[in-house]
Protein backbone atom coordinates (compact mmCIF):
# COMPACT_ATOMS: atom_id res chain seq x y z
CA UNK A 1 31.38 19.33 9.70
CA UNK A 2 34.04 17.96 7.42
CA UNK A 3 34.97 17.42 4.05
CA UNK A 4 33.82 19.55 0.72
CA UNK A 5 30.25 19.49 1.19
CA UNK A 6 28.01 22.01 2.54
CA UNK A 7 26.34 19.96 5.11
CA UNK A 8 27.10 16.68 6.87
CA UNK A 9 24.67 17.13 9.87
CA UNK A 10 21.13 18.43 9.60
CA UNK A 11 19.21 18.96 12.29
CA UNK A 12 15.32 19.38 12.92
CA UNK A 13 13.60 20.31 16.08
CA UNK A 14 10.07 19.29 17.19
CA UNK A 15 8.86 21.40 19.96
CA UNK A 16 5.85 19.86 21.04
CA UNK A 17 5.82 19.15 24.79
CA UNK A 18 2.99 16.55 24.60
CA UNK A 19 -0.12 15.31 22.73
CA UNK A 20 1.57 13.52 20.00
CA UNK A 21 -0.46 12.77 17.36
CA UNK A 22 -0.48 9.33 16.00
CA UNK A 23 0.42 9.76 12.18
CA UNK A 24 0.07 6.64 9.44
CA UNK A 25 2.93 6.80 7.39
CA UNK A 26 2.19 7.48 3.29
CA UNK A 27 3.27 5.07 0.58
CA UNK A 28 4.30 6.64 -2.89
CA UNK A 29 6.32 5.27 -5.56
CA UNK A 30 9.89 5.35 -4.53
CA UNK A 31 9.52 6.37 -1.04
CA UNK A 32 10.02 4.31 2.15
CA UNK A 33 9.94 4.68 5.92
CA UNK A 34 13.48 5.48 6.83
CA UNK A 35 12.76 5.61 10.78
CA UNK A 36 9.77 6.67 12.81
CA UNK A 37 9.50 8.36 16.56
CA UNK A 38 6.78 9.68 18.27
CA UNK A 39 8.00 13.34 16.79
CA UNK A 40 9.02 12.55 13.33
CA UNK A 41 8.62 10.26 10.41
CA UNK A 42 11.54 10.34 8.16
CA UNK A 43 11.27 9.01 4.37
CA UNK A 44 13.72 7.89 2.23
CA UNK A 45 13.07 8.99 -1.65
CA UNK A 46 14.78 7.39 -4.52
CA UNK A 47 13.25 8.27 -7.80
CA UNK A 48 14.95 6.93 -10.90
CA UNK A 49 15.84 9.03 -13.61
CA UNK A 50 13.20 10.20 -16.00
CA UNK A 51 10.70 8.38 -13.93
CA UNK A 52 7.01 10.44 -13.77
CA UNK A 53 6.34 13.41 -11.06
CA UNK A 54 5.04 11.64 -7.52
CA UNK A 55 2.21 13.36 -5.68
CA UNK A 56 2.10 12.66 -1.79
CA UNK A 57 0.85 14.49 1.14
CA UNK A 58 2.10 14.94 4.45
CA UNK A 59 0.11 15.40 7.67
CA UNK A 60 3.01 17.34 9.31
CA UNK A 61 4.96 20.02 8.42
CA UNK A 62 7.99 18.47 6.12
CA UNK A 63 11.88 19.35 5.12
CA UNK A 64 13.34 17.95 2.20
CA UNK A 65 17.20 17.63 1.61
CA UNK A 66 18.76 16.44 -1.26
CA UNK A 67 21.50 13.82 -0.94
CA UNK A 68 21.95 13.15 -4.63
CA UNK A 69 20.93 14.16 -8.37
CA UNK A 70 18.24 16.94 -8.97
CA UNK A 71 14.56 17.04 -8.46
CA UNK A 72 11.97 19.30 -8.73
CA UNK A 73 9.16 20.68 -6.02
CA UNK A 74 5.93 21.37 -7.39
CA UNK A 75 2.30 21.30 -6.22
CA UNK A 76 1.94 23.42 -3.41
CA UNK A 77 -1.21 26.46 -4.45
CA UNK A 78 0.02 26.72 -8.01
CA UNK A 79 3.02 28.10 -6.77
CA UNK A 80 6.19 27.99 -9.16
CA UNK A 81 8.12 24.64 -8.81
CA UNK A 82 11.13 24.86 -6.88
CA UNK A 83 14.51 22.85 -8.27
CA UNK A 84 16.79 21.57 -5.77
CA UNK A 85 20.43 20.78 -7.93
CA UNK A 86 23.06 21.07 -4.47
CA UNK A 87 23.79 18.37 -2.29
CA UNK A 88 21.91 19.33 1.22
CA UNK A 89 19.75 21.80 -0.02
CA UNK A 90 16.55 21.83 1.85
CA UNK A 91 13.15 23.29 1.46
CA UNK A 92 10.50 23.57 4.12
CA UNK A 93 6.80 22.54 2.85
CA UNK A 94 3.39 23.41 5.29
CA UNK A 95 1.48 20.55 6.70
CA UNK A 96 -1.70 19.24 4.56
CA UNK A 97 -0.42 20.27 1.57
CA UNK A 98 -0.18 17.80 -0.95
CA UNK A 99 3.02 18.14 -3.40
CA UNK A 100 5.01 16.50 -6.40
CA UNK A 101 8.10 15.53 -6.77
CA UNK A 102 10.07 14.75 -10.03
CA UNK A 103 13.67 13.97 -10.89
CA UNK A 104 15.53 16.05 -13.20
CA UNK A 105 18.27 15.28 -15.54
CA UNK A 106 19.93 11.57 -16.31
CA UNK A 107 20.62 10.83 -12.63
CA UNK A 108 18.65 8.98 -9.92
CA UNK A 109 17.54 11.67 -7.49
CA UNK A 110 18.09 11.01 -3.58
CA UNK A 111 16.53 13.03 -1.22
CA UNK A 112 15.24 12.87 2.50
CA UNK A 113 11.71 14.29 3.65
CA UNK A 114 11.74 14.58 7.57
CA UNK A 115 7.64 15.20 8.70
CA UNK A 116 7.33 16.98 11.90
CA UNK A 117 4.54 15.51 14.13
C-alpha cells in the first residue's frame, strides 16, 4: 500500500475446496457485475446522490467496500443502520439476508460488493 488512503489492496479469500455452487447474479438499480468467477461475484455499486434506497439479497456472504461518497446499509433483521463514510471502510454481511443501500449526503456513493460463493 502506498499513498494517503488507508487501503489500496483488499483481499477476500474463499476457503471452499470444491462443490462450487452456481449462482445467478442479482439485478438492482445502480449495481452491475464487475467480475465473476466460481468463487466470487463482484458487484460495482454506484448510487446517485439523493436516490432512494436499493433493496437486494445476496445468496452468499458479502463484503461491502466503500470507494467514494457515503452510504448507509440497513435491512438485516431489524438491526440499526450502519453508515460507511470513509474510503476503504468495509462491512461484512451474512448470506441470504436482504439488505438496503442508500446514498448519504450530496455526492454519489460508489462501493464494491464482494459476494463469496
